[in-house]
Amino acid sequence: MAGPPVGTAKITRCCRPLTPAAVFVPSGQGWKQVGELSLAFGLSSLIGLERQWRHKSAGLRTHALVGVGAALFLLVSKYGFSDVLGSHVILDPSRVAAQIVTGIGFIGGGLIFVRSDAVQGLTTAAIVWITAAIGMACGAGLPLLALVVTAAHFTVVFLFPYLEVRLPRSRYLGTGLRVVYADGRGLLRQILDESARLGFAVVRLDTRQLEHDVHGTPAVAVNLMVQGQPTPESLAAALHDLDGIFEVTATTDLTHSAA
């Protein structure tokens, strides 16, 4: 078998697969990323302005920082580790996104507090949470989704209250009433009978003897939580017309629904 021609050398081409380090990875510090951060700042500031205008516990500064911070965290997760990627280093960009959700939970938890039986701050905490999601969408390069969710936020806070007040009254909604009446005349039974006659169910009752007389008469105060579809004003008016009733007022510590 004839060998290669004299004066020529055998050429061998070695083909090696490209490693992740050999692939061009953008630095992540261009105008595109600046635009994503700016969009996150603008949208989260709009939400913060609405919260500030309503004098909520988390206002303009909180929401702007949450939105921009979430966007920056996501950009760092996408581009911040390109210099260490190689055949033996594989990073999951989604891990930082998961940690953002966890971290925002701590901020939201600090905005929720309980006063008596009323829980306050849930809506503000949820809005901080969704602001972080909007910032993450901006950082992930999903501006359309960020704009849609921002529009959804303003729909919820401005239009939903008008829808809520037009809903028919639920029979499961609790109403708190404080009734002061003359002691020793069997008026508590009349109060319960009148509530049942008007369609209310008494789900909670607490009575205590007053230390001072009312109009020179020993008196008792009873706190009621009633549920029913009629308006509580009609029950208050009916109870106030009973002989021996001194006072009927609405209370705020018993206005939650029974479990």
Protein backbone atom coordinates (compact mmCIF):
# COMPACT_ATOMS: atom_id res chain seq x y z
CA MET A 1 0.00 0.00 0.00
CA ALA A 2 1.36 3.34 -1.04
CA GLY A 3 2.09 5.80 1.76
CA PRO A 4 1.49 9.52 1.75
CA PRO A 5 3.33 11.52 -0.89
CA VAL A 6 6.87 12.51 -0.05
CA GLY A 7 7.16 15.98 1.43
CA THR A 8 3.65 16.05 2.86
CA ALA A 9 2.56 15.60 6.45
CA LYS A 10 -0.58 13.92 7.70
CA ILE A 11 -2.99 16.52 9.06
CA THR A 12 -5.34 15.47 11.88
CA ARG A 13 -8.24 17.73 12.92
CA CYS A 14 -9.29 17.44 16.52
CA CYS A 15 -12.85 18.51 17.25
CA ARG A 16 -13.63 19.19 20.93
CA PRO A 17 -17.05 20.21 22.21
CA LEU A 18 -17.31 23.77 23.41
CA THR A 19 -17.48 24.15 27.14
CA PRO A 20 -19.80 26.70 28.78
CA ALA A 21 -16.79 28.89 29.47
CA ALA A 22 -16.05 29.04 25.75
CA VAL A 23 -19.52 30.35 24.93
CA PHE A 24 -19.86 34.12 24.91
CA VAL A 25 -21.83 35.28 27.94
CA PRO A 26 -22.94 38.92 28.10
CA SER A 27 -21.57 40.93 30.96
CA GLY A 28 -25.03 41.88 32.18
CA GLN A 29 -24.08 45.53 32.64
CA GLY A 30 -25.39 47.03 29.42
CA TRP A 31 -28.18 49.44 28.60
CA LYS A 32 -30.63 46.57 28.35
CA GLN A 33 -30.18 45.74 32.04
CA VAL A 34 -30.29 49.44 32.97
CA GLY A 35 -33.61 49.66 31.13
CA GLU A 36 -34.96 46.65 33.02
CA LEU A 37 -33.97 48.18 36.35
CA SER A 38 -35.52 51.50 35.31
CA LEU A 39 -38.77 49.79 34.38
CA ALA A 40 -38.83 48.00 37.74
CA PHE A 41 -38.18 51.30 39.50
CA GLY A 42 -40.96 53.09 37.61
CA LEU A 43 -43.63 50.41 38.07
CA SER A 44 -42.86 49.79 41.74
CA SER A 45 -42.84 53.54 42.37
CA LEU A 46 -46.32 53.83 40.85
CA ILE A 47 -47.56 51.20 43.25
CA GLY A 48 -45.75 52.93 46.11
CA LEU A 49 -47.38 56.26 45.24
CA GLU A 50 -50.81 54.67 45.52
CA ARG A 51 -49.90 53.18 48.92
CA GLN A 52 -48.44 56.51 50.08
CA TRP A 53 -51.57 58.36 49.00
CA ARG A 54 -53.66 56.00 51.11
CA HIS A 55 -51.33 56.49 54.11
CA LYS A 56 -50.45 52.81 54.39
CA SER A 57 -47.64 51.46 56.55
CA ALA A 58 -45.51 50.62 53.49
CA GLY A 59 -45.41 53.54 51.08
CA LEU A 60 -43.41 54.94 48.18
CA ARG A 61 -39.90 54.26 49.44
CA THR A 62 -40.61 50.69 50.57
CA HIS A 63 -42.23 49.61 47.31
CA ALA A 64 -39.64 51.32 45.11
CA LEU A 65 -36.80 49.62 46.97
CA VAL A 66 -38.51 46.23 46.95
CA GLY A 67 -39.16 46.35 43.20
CA VAL A 68 -35.69 47.53 42.20
CA GLY A 69 -34.00 45.18 44.66
CA ALA A 70 -35.88 42.17 43.31
CA ALA A 71 -34.94 43.13 39.75
CA LEU A 72 -31.28 43.53 40.69
CA PHE A 73 -31.20 40.19 42.50
CA LEU A 74 -32.56 38.47 39.41
CA LEU A 75 -30.07 40.21 37.12
CA VAL A 76 -27.22 39.16 39.42
CA SER A 77 -28.55 35.61 39.29
CA LYS A 78 -28.61 35.70 35.48
CA TYR A 79 -25.28 37.40 34.76
CA GLY A 80 -23.27 37.72 37.94
CA PHE A 81 -21.56 34.32 37.82
CA SER A 82 -20.57 34.06 34.16
CA ASP A 83 -16.86 34.34 35.03
CA VAL A 84 -16.88 31.12 37.06
CA LEU A 85 -18.89 28.95 34.67
CA GLY A 86 -17.02 26.02 33.20
CA SER A 87 -17.21 22.32 32.53
CA HIS A 88 -17.38 21.57 36.25
CA VAL A 89 -19.47 24.56 37.38
CA ILE A 90 -23.16 24.65 36.53
CA LEU A 91 -25.41 27.29 38.12
CA ASP A 92 -29.19 27.42 38.32
CA PRO A 93 -30.36 31.02 37.75
CA SER A 94 -33.76 30.26 39.27
CA ARG A 95 -32.37 29.66 42.76
CA VAL A 96 -32.10 33.39 43.54
CA ALA A 97 -35.66 33.94 42.33
CA ALA A 98 -36.87 31.36 44.84
CA GLN A 99 -34.95 33.06 47.63
CA ILE A 100 -36.44 36.45 46.73
CA VAL A 101 -39.91 35.03 47.34
CA THR A 102 -38.80 33.72 50.73
CA GLY A 103 -37.12 36.97 51.70
CA ILE A 104 -40.13 39.10 50.80
CA GLY A 105 -42.17 36.91 53.13
CA PHE A 106 -40.24 38.34 56.08
CA ILE A 107 -41.05 41.90 55.04
CA GLY A 108 -44.70 41.03 54.52
CA GLY A 109 -44.87 39.29 57.89
CA GLY A 110 -43.64 42.46 59.57
CA LEU A 111 -46.52 44.44 58.06
CA ILE A 112 -49.24 42.15 59.39
CA PHE A 113 -50.44 42.69 62.94
CA VAL A 114 -53.45 41.72 65.00
CA ARG A 115 -55.40 44.21 67.09
CA SER A 116 -58.01 42.56 69.28
CA ASP A 117 -59.73 40.20 66.82
CA ALA A 118 -58.99 42.23 63.68
CA VAL A 119 -56.12 41.34 61.35
CA GLN A 120 -54.62 44.35 59.59
CA GLY A 121 -51.92 44.77 56.98
CA LEU A 122 -52.72 41.73 54.82
CA THR A 123 -53.40 43.78 51.70
CA THR A 124 -50.26 45.88 52.16
CA ALA A 125 -48.16 42.73 52.65
CA ALA A 126 -49.66 41.18 49.51
CA ILE A 127 -48.90 44.34 47.52
CA VAL A 128 -45.27 44.32 48.69
CA TRP A 129 -45.13 40.69 47.58
CA ILE A 130 -46.56 41.45 44.13
CA THR A 131 -44.23 44.45 43.77
CA ALA A 132 -41.30 42.09 44.21
CA ALA A 133 -42.80 39.84 41.53
CA ILE A 134 -43.08 42.81 39.15
CA GLY A 135 -39.43 43.68 39.80
CA MET A 136 -38.44 40.07 39.15
CA ALA A 137 -40.35 40.09 35.86
CA CYS A 138 -38.50 43.25 34.80
CA GLY A 139 -35.16 41.73 35.73
CA ALA A 140 -36.02 38.55 33.85
CA GLY A 141 -36.69 40.52 30.66
CA LEU A 142 -40.48 40.10 30.75
CA PRO A 143 -41.70 43.72 30.58
CA LEU A 144 -45.12 42.86 29.13
CA LEU A 145 -45.95 40.62 32.10
CA ALA A 146 -44.71 43.30 34.50
CA LEU A 147 -46.97 45.92 32.88
CA VAL A 148 -50.00 43.60 32.91
CA VAL A 149 -49.56 42.79 36.61
CA THR A 150 -49.09 46.47 37.46
CA ALA A 151 -52.36 47.22 35.69
CA ALA A 152 -53.98 44.36 37.60
CA HIS A 153 -52.80 45.91 40.87
CA PHE A 154 -54.51 49.22 40.14
CA THR A 155 -57.64 47.37 39.04
CA VAL A 156 -57.76 45.58 42.40
CA VAL A 157 -57.16 48.64 44.59
CA PHE A 158 -59.37 51.12 42.71
CA LEU A 159 -62.17 49.11 41.07
CA PHE A 160 -62.67 46.15 43.39
CA PRO A 161 -63.85 48.29 46.35
CA TYR A 162 -66.77 49.52 44.22
CA LEU A 163 -67.58 45.90 43.39
CA GLU A 164 -67.39 44.84 47.04
CA VAL A 165 -69.89 47.44 48.26
CA ARG A 166 -72.38 46.32 45.60
CA LEU A 167 -72.29 42.66 46.61
CA PRO A 168 -75.34 41.42 48.54
CA ARG A 169 -74.78 41.17 52.26
CA SER A 170 -73.56 37.72 53.28
CA ARG A 171 -75.42 35.87 55.99
CA TYR A 172 -72.04 34.72 57.34
CA LEU A 173 -70.85 38.28 58.03
CA GLY A 174 -70.64 38.98 61.73
CA THR A 175 -71.85 42.24 63.27
CA GLY A 176 -70.84 43.35 66.75
CA LEU A 177 -73.33 45.19 68.99
CA ARG A 178 -73.01 46.46 72.54
CA VAL A 179 -76.30 46.77 74.36
CA VAL A 180 -76.66 48.41 77.80
CA TYR A 181 -79.94 47.59 79.56
CA ALA A 182 -81.56 47.72 82.99
CA ASP A 183 -80.73 44.80 85.24
CA GLY A 184 -83.32 42.48 86.76
CA ARG A 185 -86.05 42.90 84.11
CA GLY A 186 -85.38 39.89 81.87
CA LEU A 187 -84.29 42.07 78.97
CA LEU A 188 -81.58 39.69 77.76
CA ARG A 189 -84.22 37.17 76.70
CA GLN A 190 -86.09 39.93 74.86
CA ILE A 191 -82.87 40.96 73.08
CA LEU A 192 -82.29 37.40 71.91
CA ASP A 193 -85.92 36.96 70.85
CA GLU A 194 -85.86 40.22 68.87
CA SER A 195 -82.64 39.20 67.13
CA ALA A 196 -84.14 35.88 66.09
CA ARG A 197 -87.36 37.54 64.92
CA LEU A 198 -85.41 39.82 62.58
CA GLY A 199 -83.44 36.91 61.10
CA PHE A 200 -80.19 37.23 63.05
CA ALA A 201 -78.35 34.36 64.72
CA VAL A 202 -76.42 35.16 67.89
CA VAL A 203 -73.07 33.38 67.60
CA ARG A 204 -71.28 35.04 70.51
CA LEU A 205 -72.45 36.64 73.73
CA ASP A 206 -70.64 38.25 76.64
CA THR A 207 -72.31 40.03 79.55
CA ARG A 208 -70.93 42.00 82.48
CA GLN A 209 -72.41 44.04 85.29
CA LEU A 210 -71.63 47.73 85.06
CA GLU A 211 -69.94 49.23 88.12
CA HIS A 212 -72.01 52.42 87.87
CA ASP A 213 -75.76 52.92 87.55
CA VAL A 214 -77.37 54.32 84.40
CA HIS A 215 -80.08 56.87 85.09
CA GLY A 216 -80.06 55.68 88.70
CA THR A 217 -80.70 52.05 87.70
CA PRO A 218 -78.31 49.05 87.94
CA ALA A 219 -77.30 48.16 84.40
CA VAL A 220 -75.75 45.32 82.43
CA ALA A 221 -73.73 45.53 79.21
CA VAL A 222 -73.90 42.67 76.72
CA ASN A 223 -71.62 42.29 73.71
CA LEU A 224 -73.26 40.36 70.89
CA MET A 225 -71.95 39.05 67.62
CA VAL A 226 -74.81 38.30 65.29
CA GLN A 227 -74.95 36.95 61.76
CA GLY A 228 -77.69 37.46 59.20
CA GLN A 229 -78.62 39.05 55.91
CA PRO A 230 -80.75 41.94 57.27
CA THR A 231 -78.88 45.15 57.93
CA PRO A 232 -77.49 45.53 61.46
CA GLU A 233 -79.05 49.00 61.62
CA SER A 234 -82.50 47.44 61.65
CA LEU A 235 -81.58 45.25 64.62
CA ALA A 236 -80.04 48.18 66.49
CA ALA A 237 -83.16 50.27 65.94
CA ALA A 238 -85.44 47.46 67.10
CA LEU A 239 -83.41 46.84 70.24
CA HIS A 240 -83.28 50.54 71.05
CA ASP A 241 -87.09 50.66 71.04
CA LEU A 242 -87.36 48.04 73.78
CA ASP A 243 -88.31 49.42 77.17
CA GLY A 244 -85.32 49.38 79.50
CA ILE A 245 -82.63 49.57 76.83
CA PHE A 246 -80.28 52.48 77.52
CA GLU A 247 -77.75 52.20 74.69
CA VAL A 248 -77.12 50.24 71.48
CA THR A 249 -73.79 50.80 69.70
CA ALA A 250 -71.77 48.98 67.06
CA THR A 251 -68.45 47.45 68.17
CA THR A 252 -65.29 46.64 66.25
CA ASP A 253 -63.82 43.84 68.35
CA LEU A 254 -66.51 41.33 67.45
CA THR A 255 -66.95 42.06 63.74
CA HIS A 256 -65.08 39.02 62.42
CA SER A 257 -66.99 36.03 61.10
CA ALA A 258 -67.26 32.92 63.21
CA ALA A 259 -65.25 29.89 62.08
